[in-house]
Amino acid sequence: MQSLRGGSIVSFDGVWVSYSGSDRPAIRDVTLEVREGELVLITGPNGAGKTTLLETSLGLLKPFIGEVRLLGVKTSSRKVVAARKYCSYVPQDFIKPPFEAYTAMHVILLGFAPYKSAFEGINGQDIERVERIAELLDIESLLDKPIGILSGGQQQRVMIARALARKPKLALFDEPFSSLDRESRMIVSTSLRRYVDEENATVVVVSHDVSPIVDLADTTVKMKDGRIEEVTHG
């Protein structure tokens, strides 16, 4: 595995976060640094705080104690909105309804929207990028199909392709293997590893099933009851 090689992408310093209306912290006293060029696996049982960690990384949740920085920007600052444009996030709830008419290609291309001006359209470079990512994830045959008719596993790979096609500096995936069979899990895992290496980007994967990716990760973070129990490198 590669060593840590870049600057800080996300940093937590003594962070406590609660959801609105809850008196029980979802994450407690978390201190963690995620660096450029890393593939990071976050694992632990249900309720460990894994999804909260992702949402807090993006500034979607704000700490009531401690500080979080995203790409060097405090998530308590309004500037975090601009920093977020360099990130991709695929949550667990990704399934599109059967009547969704957009093709898989259209869905992936919509991921470019934050980088385009109001009157700037899709260009040939964007199409080539989508086709390359689709080949990487073995979904070329799905690009012309309406996403609503695809299986859960196929939709999951389309949403992963959308996240990577934007060339984010940071890509966050919440349970990306949940709807995938064994072969697809390996395809996705190796694709994420290649993306990190080729783009010198950072990918953070939350998964209770570590088997597809643990051997490819640079860092593994184990959580329980909102706390980090262990951080393993290499």
C-alpha atoms as a PDB file:
ATOM      1  CA  MET A   1       0.000   0.000   0.000  1.00  0.00           C
ATOM      2  CA  GLN A   2       1.131   3.552  -0.667  1.00  0.00           C
ATOM      3  CA  SER A   3       2.190   5.857   2.129  1.00  0.00           C
ATOM      4  CA  LEU A   4       0.438   9.091   3.021  1.00  0.00           C
ATOM      5  CA  ARG A   5       1.546  11.524   0.335  1.00  0.00           C
ATOM      6  CA  GLY A   6      -0.530  14.680   0.257  1.00  0.00           C
ATOM      7  CA  GLY A   7      -2.084  17.445   2.236  1.00  0.00           C
ATOM      8  CA  SER A   8      -5.123  17.257   4.462  1.00  0.00           C
ATOM      9  CA  ILE A   9      -8.437  16.779   2.635  1.00  0.00           C
ATOM     10  CA  VAL A  10     -10.673  16.405   5.698  1.00  0.00           C
ATOM     11  CA  SER A  11      -9.727  16.980   9.318  1.00  0.00           C
ATOM     12  CA  PHE A  12     -11.697  16.485  12.531  1.00  0.00           C
ATOM     13  CA  ASP A  13     -10.452  18.012  15.768  1.00  0.00           C
ATOM     14  CA  GLY A  14     -12.304  16.881  18.897  1.00  0.00           C
ATOM     15  CA  VAL A  15     -15.650  16.795  17.095  1.00  0.00           C
ATOM     16  CA  TRP A  16     -19.032  16.101  18.690  1.00  0.00           C
ATOM     17  CA  VAL A  17     -22.211  16.061  16.549  1.00  0.00           C
ATOM     18  CA  SER A  18     -25.878  15.526  17.429  1.00  0.00           C
ATOM     19  CA  TYR A  19     -28.926  15.326  15.186  1.00  0.00           C
ATOM     20  CA  SER A  20     -31.620  17.941  15.725  1.00  0.00           C
ATOM     21  CA  GLY A  21     -33.964  16.934  18.533  1.00  0.00           C
ATOM     22  CA  SER A  22     -31.617  14.271  19.900  1.00  0.00           C
ATOM     23  CA  ASP A  23     -29.814  14.613  23.203  1.00  0.00           C
ATOM     24  CA  ARG A  24     -27.475  11.720  22.353  1.00  0.00           C
ATOM     25  CA  PRO A  25     -24.364  12.614  20.311  1.00  0.00           C
ATOM     26  CA  ALA A  26     -24.075  10.705  17.034  1.00  0.00           C
ATOM     27  CA  ILE A  27     -20.288  11.101  17.005  1.00  0.00           C
ATOM     28  CA  ARG A  28     -18.182  11.819  20.079  1.00  0.00           C
ATOM     29  CA  ASP A  29     -14.759  13.408  20.427  1.00  0.00           C
ATOM     30  CA  VAL A  30     -13.617  12.412  16.922  1.00  0.00           C
ATOM     31  CA  THR A  31     -10.138  13.447  15.847  1.00  0.00           C
ATOM     32  CA  LEU A  32      -9.152  12.229  12.395  1.00  0.00           C
ATOM     33  CA  GLU A  33      -7.225  13.366   9.335  1.00  0.00           C
ATOM     34  CA  VAL A  34      -7.890  12.113   5.817  1.00  0.00           C
ATOM     35  CA  ARG A  35      -5.125  12.988   3.392  1.00  0.00           C
ATOM     36  CA  GLU A  36      -4.805  13.423  -0.352  1.00  0.00           C
ATOM     37  CA  GLY A  37      -4.216  10.240  -2.321  1.00  0.00           C
ATOM     38  CA  GLU A  38      -5.786   7.867   0.201  1.00  0.00           C
ATOM     39  CA  LEU A  39      -8.424   5.159  -0.055  1.00  0.00           C
ATOM     40  CA  VAL A  40     -10.048   5.128   3.389  1.00  0.00           C
ATOM     41  CA  LEU A  41     -12.392   2.451   4.704  1.00  0.00           C
ATOM     42  CA  ILE A  42     -14.701   3.328   7.604  1.00  0.00           C
ATOM     43  CA  THR A  43     -16.362   0.364   9.231  1.00  0.00           C
ATOM     44  CA  GLY A  44     -18.297  -0.593  12.342  1.00  0.00           C
ATOM     45  CA  PRO A  45     -21.736  -1.823  13.437  1.00  0.00           C
ATOM     46  CA  ASN A  46     -25.052  -0.070  12.765  1.00  0.00           C
ATOM     47  CA  GLY A  47     -25.341   3.108  14.800  1.00  0.00           C
ATOM     48  CA  ALA A  48     -21.571   3.510  15.046  1.00  0.00           C
ATOM     49  CA  GLY A  49     -21.691   6.999  13.490  1.00  0.00           C
ATOM     50  CA  LYS A  50     -20.258   6.131  10.077  1.00  0.00           C
ATOM     51  CA  THR A  51     -22.833   8.013   7.962  1.00  0.00           C
ATOM     52  CA  THR A  52     -22.728  10.933  10.401  1.00  0.00           C
ATOM     53  CA  LEU A  53     -18.970  11.126   9.839  1.00  0.00           C
ATOM     54  CA  LEU A  54     -19.496  11.451   6.070  1.00  0.00           C
ATOM     55  CA  GLU A  55     -22.199  14.097   6.388  1.00  0.00           C
ATOM     56  CA  THR A  56     -20.106  16.043   8.881  1.00  0.00           C
ATOM     57  CA  SER A  57     -17.109  15.886   6.517  1.00  0.00           C
ATOM     58  CA  LEU A  58     -19.146  17.756   3.889  1.00  0.00           C
ATOM     59  CA  GLY A  59     -20.538  20.278   6.354  1.00  0.00           C
ATOM     60  CA  LEU A  60     -24.068  18.923   5.995  1.00  0.00           C
ATOM     61  CA  LEU A  61     -23.994  18.445   9.772  1.00  0.00           C
ATOM     62  CA  LYS A  62     -22.245  20.948  12.042  1.00  0.00           C
ATOM     63  CA  PRO A  63     -20.387  20.035  15.228  1.00  0.00           C
ATOM     64  CA  PHE A  64     -21.478  21.562  18.515  1.00  0.00           C
ATOM     65  CA  ILE A  65     -17.968  20.958  19.847  1.00  0.00           C
ATOM     66  CA  GLY A  66     -14.760  20.851  17.813  1.00  0.00           C
ATOM     67  CA  GLU A  67     -13.787  21.865  14.302  1.00  0.00           C
ATOM     68  CA  VAL A  68     -13.997  20.224  10.883  1.00  0.00           C
ATOM     69  CA  ARG A  69     -12.142  21.394   7.790  1.00  0.00           C
ATOM     70  CA  LEU A  70     -12.942  20.333   4.221  1.00  0.00           C
ATOM     71  CA  LEU A  71     -10.193  21.073   1.696  1.00  0.00           C
ATOM     72  CA  GLY A  72      -8.803  23.524   4.237  1.00  0.00           C
ATOM     73  CA  VAL A  73     -12.122  25.345   4.733  1.00  0.00           C
ATOM     74  CA  LYS A  74     -13.939  25.325   8.063  1.00  0.00           C
ATOM     75  CA  THR A  75     -17.306  23.620   7.558  1.00  0.00           C
ATOM     76  CA  SER A  76     -18.865  26.287   9.809  1.00  0.00           C
ATOM     77  CA  SER A  77     -17.975  28.849   7.116  1.00  0.00           C
ATOM     78  CA  ARG A  78     -20.158  29.732   4.137  1.00  0.00           C
ATOM     79  CA  LYS A  79     -17.129  29.036   1.948  1.00  0.00           C
ATOM     80  CA  VAL A  80     -17.694  25.317   2.501  1.00  0.00           C
ATOM     81  CA  VAL A  81     -20.340  25.442  -0.260  1.00  0.00           C
ATOM     82  CA  ALA A  82     -17.599  26.261  -2.781  1.00  0.00           C
ATOM     83  CA  ALA A  83     -15.318  23.540  -1.365  1.00  0.00           C
ATOM     84  CA  ARG A  84     -18.145  21.023  -1.687  1.00  0.00           C
ATOM     85  CA  LYS A  85     -18.129  21.469  -5.477  1.00  0.00           C
ATOM     86  CA  TYR A  86     -14.883  19.508  -5.545  1.00  0.00           C
ATOM     87  CA  CYS A  87     -16.517  16.571  -3.775  1.00  0.00           C
ATOM     88  CA  SER A  88     -18.889  13.750  -4.702  1.00  0.00           C
ATOM     89  CA  TYR A  89     -21.171  11.913  -2.293  1.00  0.00           C
ATOM     90  CA  VAL A  90     -23.249   8.804  -2.949  1.00  0.00           C
ATOM     91  CA  PRO A  91     -25.586   8.123  -0.003  1.00  0.00           C
ATOM     92  CA  GLN A  92     -27.306   4.814   0.695  1.00  0.00           C
ATOM     93  CA  ASP A  93     -30.648   5.992  -0.710  1.00  0.00           C
ATOM     94  CA  PHE A  94     -29.885   5.994  -4.434  1.00  0.00           C
ATOM     95  CA  ILE A  95     -32.667   3.883  -6.009  1.00  0.00           C
ATOM     96  CA  LYS A  96     -34.607   5.626  -8.795  1.00  0.00           C
ATOM     97  CA  PRO A  97     -38.291   4.803  -9.396  1.00  0.00           C
ATOM     98  CA  PRO A  98     -39.294   2.596 -12.377  1.00  0.00           C
ATOM     99  CA  PHE A  99     -40.850   5.557 -14.224  1.00  0.00           C
ATOM    100  CA  GLU A 100     -37.589   7.553 -14.174  1.00  0.00           C
ATOM    101  CA  ALA A 101     -36.965   8.156 -17.898  1.00  0.00           C
ATOM    102  CA  TYR A 102     -33.416   9.516 -17.811  1.00  0.00           C
ATOM    103  CA  THR A 103     -30.888   7.142 -19.336  1.00  0.00           C
ATOM    104  CA  ALA A 104     -27.863   6.076 -17.330  1.00  0.00           C
ATOM    105  CA  MET A 105     -25.739   8.326 -19.578  1.00  0.00           C
ATOM    106  CA  HIS A 106     -27.932  11.352 -18.747  1.00  0.00           C
ATOM    107  CA  VAL A 107     -27.780  10.585 -15.029  1.00  0.00           C
ATOM    108  CA  ILE A 108     -23.982  10.451 -15.108  1.00  0.00           C
ATOM    109  CA  LEU A 109     -23.712  13.636 -17.191  1.00  0.00           C
ATOM    110  CA  LEU A 110     -25.885  15.491 -14.663  1.00  0.00           C
ATOM    111  CA  GLY A 111     -22.974  15.091 -12.293  1.00  0.00           C
ATOM    112  CA  PHE A 112     -21.079  17.702 -14.319  1.00  0.00           C
ATOM    113  CA  ALA A 113     -23.681  20.405 -13.587  1.00  0.00           C
ATOM    114  CA  PRO A 114     -21.842  22.041 -10.646  1.00  0.00           C
ATOM    115  CA  TYR A 115     -18.825  22.626 -12.912  1.00  0.00           C
ATOM    116  CA  LYS A 116     -20.765  24.202 -15.767  1.00  0.00           C
ATOM    117  CA  SER A 117     -21.870  27.808 -16.230  1.00  0.00           C
ATOM    118  CA  ALA A 118     -25.545  28.525 -16.932  1.00  0.00           C
ATOM    119  CA  PHE A 119     -25.087  28.383 -20.716  1.00  0.00           C
ATOM    120  CA  GLU A 120     -22.306  25.825 -20.963  1.00  0.00           C
ATOM    121  CA  GLY A 121     -23.285  22.492 -22.445  1.00  0.00           C
ATOM    122  CA  ILE A 122     -21.844  19.007 -22.431  1.00  0.00           C
ATOM    123  CA  ASN A 123     -18.816  18.584 -24.694  1.00  0.00           C
ATOM    124  CA  GLY A 124     -17.000  15.682 -26.311  1.00  0.00           C
ATOM    125  CA  GLN A 125     -14.473  15.544 -23.479  1.00  0.00           C
ATOM    126  CA  ASP A 126     -17.305  15.002 -20.988  1.00  0.00           C
ATOM    127  CA  ILE A 127     -18.720  12.154 -23.090  1.00  0.00           C
ATOM    128  CA  GLU A 128     -15.294  10.517 -23.357  1.00  0.00           C
ATOM    129  CA  ARG A 129     -14.850  10.807 -19.606  1.00  0.00           C
ATOM    130  CA  VAL A 130     -18.206   9.098 -18.970  1.00  0.00           C
ATOM    131  CA  GLU A 131     -17.411   6.326 -21.435  1.00  0.00           C
ATOM    132  CA  ARG A 132     -14.030   5.685 -19.782  1.00  0.00           C
ATOM    133  CA  ILE A 133     -15.532   5.518 -16.288  1.00  0.00           C
ATOM    134  CA  ALA A 134     -18.351   3.290 -17.597  1.00  0.00           C
ATOM    135  CA  GLU A 135     -15.772   0.906 -19.048  1.00  0.00           C
ATOM    136  CA  LEU A 136     -13.891   0.897 -15.741  1.00  0.00           C
ATOM    137  CA  LEU A 137     -17.088  -0.091 -13.892  1.00  0.00           C
ATOM    138  CA  ASP A 138     -18.269  -2.485 -16.637  1.00  0.00           C
ATOM    139  CA  ILE A 139     -21.509  -0.613 -17.348  1.00  0.00           C
ATOM    140  CA  GLU A 140     -21.005   0.452 -20.981  1.00  0.00           C
ATOM    141  CA  SER A 141     -24.010  -1.634 -22.051  1.00  0.00           C
ATOM    142  CA  LEU A 142     -26.263   0.256 -19.608  1.00  0.00           C
ATOM    143  CA  LEU A 143     -25.584   3.810 -20.774  1.00  0.00           C
ATOM    144  CA  ASP A 144     -28.524   4.012 -23.219  1.00  0.00           C
ATOM    145  CA  LYS A 145     -31.048   2.361 -20.881  1.00  0.00           C
ATOM    146  CA  PRO A 146     -33.535   4.242 -18.657  1.00  0.00           C
ATOM    147  CA  ILE A 147     -32.107   4.129 -15.156  1.00  0.00           C
ATOM    148  CA  GLY A 148     -35.505   3.260 -13.656  1.00  0.00           C
ATOM    149  CA  ILE A 149     -35.527  -0.178 -15.289  1.00  0.00           C
ATOM    150  CA  LEU A 150     -32.074  -1.143 -14.051  1.00  0.00           C
ATOM    151  CA  SER A 151     -31.555  -3.452 -11.088  1.00  0.00           C
ATOM    152  CA  GLY A 152     -30.451  -2.039  -7.740  1.00  0.00           C
ATOM    153  CA  GLY A 153     -26.896  -3.198  -8.327  1.00  0.00           C
ATOM    154  CA  GLN A 154     -26.784  -1.672 -11.813  1.00  0.00           C
ATOM    155  CA  GLN A 155     -28.153   1.630 -10.509  1.00  0.00           C
ATOM    156  CA  GLN A 156     -25.546   1.586  -7.759  1.00  0.00           C
ATOM    157  CA  ARG A 157     -22.728   1.297 -10.286  1.00  0.00           C
ATOM    158  CA  VAL A 158     -24.250   4.105 -12.378  1.00  0.00           C
ATOM    159  CA  MET A 159     -24.294   6.400  -9.330  1.00  0.00           C
ATOM    160  CA  ILE A 160     -20.685   5.487  -8.536  1.00  0.00           C
ATOM    161  CA  ALA A 161     -19.768   6.294 -12.150  1.00  0.00           C
ATOM    162  CA  ARG A 162     -21.542   9.645 -11.851  1.00  0.00           C
ATOM    163  CA  ALA A 163     -19.554  10.450  -8.715  1.00  0.00           C
ATOM    164  CA  LEU A 164     -16.197   9.601 -10.304  1.00  0.00           C
ATOM    165  CA  ALA A 165     -16.857  11.150 -13.728  1.00  0.00           C
ATOM    166  CA  ARG A 166     -16.758  14.621 -12.166  1.00  0.00           C
ATOM    167  CA  LYS A 167     -13.102  14.076 -11.166  1.00  0.00           C
ATOM    168  CA  PRO A 168     -13.715  15.014  -7.537  1.00  0.00           C
ATOM    169  CA  LYS A 169     -10.820  15.651  -5.180  1.00  0.00           C
ATOM    170  CA  LEU A 170     -12.843  13.798  -2.551  1.00  0.00           C
ATOM    171  CA  ALA A 171     -15.441  11.074  -3.198  1.00  0.00           C
ATOM    172  CA  LEU A 172     -17.547   9.677  -0.355  1.00  0.00           C
ATOM    173  CA  PHE A 173     -19.533   6.433  -0.671  1.00  0.00           C
ATOM    174  CA  ASP A 174     -21.991   5.162   1.928  1.00  0.00           C
ATOM    175  CA  GLU A 175     -22.376   1.358   1.691  1.00  0.00           C
ATOM    176  CA  PRO A 176     -21.490   1.168  -2.046  1.00  0.00           C
ATOM    177  CA  PHE A 177     -21.559  -2.651  -2.029  1.00  0.00           C
ATOM    178  CA  SER A 178     -25.039  -3.060  -0.539  1.00  0.00           C
ATOM    179  CA  SER A 179     -26.793  -4.093  -3.789  1.00  0.00           C
ATOM    180  CA  LEU A 180     -23.853  -5.688  -5.568  1.00  0.00           C
ATOM    181  CA  ASP A 181     -22.994  -9.333  -6.157  1.00  0.00           C
ATOM    182  CA  ARG A 182     -19.511 -10.641  -5.388  1.00  0.00           C
ATOM    183  CA  GLU A 183     -18.077  -9.999  -8.859  1.00  0.00           C
ATOM    184  CA  SER A 184     -19.460  -6.453  -8.984  1.00  0.00           C
ATOM    185  CA  ARG A 185     -18.050  -5.700  -5.531  1.00  0.00           C
ATOM    186  CA  MET A 186     -14.586  -6.562  -6.760  1.00  0.00           C
ATOM    187  CA  ILE A 187     -15.048  -4.462  -9.912  1.00  0.00           C
ATOM    188  CA  VAL A 188     -16.112  -1.448  -7.845  1.00  0.00           C
ATOM    189  CA  SER A 189     -13.336  -1.927  -5.276  1.00  0.00           C
ATOM    190  CA  THR A 190     -10.564  -2.128  -7.870  1.00  0.00           C
ATOM    191  CA  SER A 191     -12.104   0.819  -9.768  1.00  0.00           C
ATOM    192  CA  LEU A 192     -11.984   2.995  -6.645  1.00  0.00           C
ATOM    193  CA  ARG A 193      -8.371   1.979  -6.020  1.00  0.00           C
ATOM    194  CA  ARG A 194      -7.452   2.875  -9.599  1.00  0.00           C
ATOM    195  CA  TYR A 195      -9.242   6.208  -9.339  1.00  0.00           C
ATOM    196  CA  VAL A 196      -7.258   7.132  -6.225  1.00  0.00           C
ATOM    197  CA  ASP A 197      -3.957   6.172  -7.850  1.00  0.00           C
ATOM    198  CA  GLU A 198      -4.580   7.736 -11.268  1.00  0.00           C
ATOM    199  CA  GLU A 199      -6.130  11.020 -10.060  1.00  0.00           C
ATOM    200  CA  ASN A 200      -4.218  11.377  -6.768  1.00  0.00           C
ATOM    201  CA  ALA A 201      -7.676  11.861  -5.284  1.00  0.00           C
ATOM    202  CA  THR A 202      -9.175  10.718  -1.990  1.00  0.00           C
ATOM    203  CA  VAL A 203     -11.960   8.148  -1.660  1.00  0.00           C
ATOM    204  CA  VAL A 204     -13.742   7.366   1.600  1.00  0.00           C
ATOM    205  CA  VAL A 205     -15.892   4.238   1.735  1.00  0.00           C
ATOM    206  CA  VAL A 206     -18.304   3.413   4.559  1.00  0.00           C
ATOM    207  CA  SER A 207     -19.059  -0.303   4.634  1.00  0.00           C
ATOM    208  CA  HIS A 208     -19.989  -2.864   7.259  1.00  0.00           C
ATOM    209  CA  ASP A 209     -18.758  -5.511   4.780  1.00  0.00           C
ATOM    210  CA  VAL A 210     -15.015  -4.966   4.589  1.00  0.00           C
ATOM    211  CA  SER A 211     -14.098  -8.029   2.505  1.00  0.00           C
ATOM    212  CA  PRO A 212     -14.238  -6.405  -0.962  1.00  0.00           C
ATOM    213  CA  ILE A 213     -11.961  -3.473  -0.139  1.00  0.00           C
ATOM    214  CA  VAL A 214     -10.022  -3.849   3.098  1.00  0.00           C
ATOM    215  CA  ASP A 215      -6.915  -5.200   1.335  1.00  0.00           C
ATOM    216  CA  LEU A 216      -6.948  -2.239  -1.078  1.00  0.00           C
ATOM    217  CA  ALA A 217      -7.394   0.489   1.537  1.00  0.00           C
ATOM    218  CA  ASP A 218      -4.571   2.714   2.756  1.00  0.00           C
ATOM    219  CA  THR A 219      -6.344   3.409   6.041  1.00  0.00           C
ATOM    220  CA  THR A 220      -9.078   1.559   7.926  1.00  0.00           C
ATOM    221  CA  VAL A 221     -11.083   3.408  10.588  1.00  0.00           C
ATOM    222  CA  LYS A 222     -13.145   1.320  13.015  1.00  0.00           C
ATOM    223  CA  MET A 223     -16.025   3.059  14.795  1.00  0.00           C
ATOM    224  CA  LYS A 224     -18.342   2.084  17.642  1.00  0.00           C
ATOM    225  CA  ASP A 225     -20.927   4.109  19.575  1.00  0.00           C
ATOM    226  CA  GLY A 226     -19.938   7.310  17.792  1.00  0.00           C
ATOM    227  CA  ARG A 227     -16.249   7.016  18.630  1.00  0.00           C
ATOM    228  CA  ILE A 228     -13.186   5.962  16.680  1.00  0.00           C
ATOM    229  CA  GLU A 229     -11.906   2.745  18.203  1.00  0.00           C
ATOM    230  CA  GLU A 230      -8.946   2.088  15.950  1.00  0.00           C
ATOM    231  CA  VAL A 231      -7.136   3.529  12.921  1.00  0.00           C
ATOM    232  CA  THR A 232      -4.941   1.173  10.903  1.00  0.00           C
ATOM    233  CA  HIS A 233      -2.583   2.274   8.109  1.00  0.00           C
ATOM    234  CA  GLY A 234      -1.314   0.107   5.277  1.00  0.00           C
END
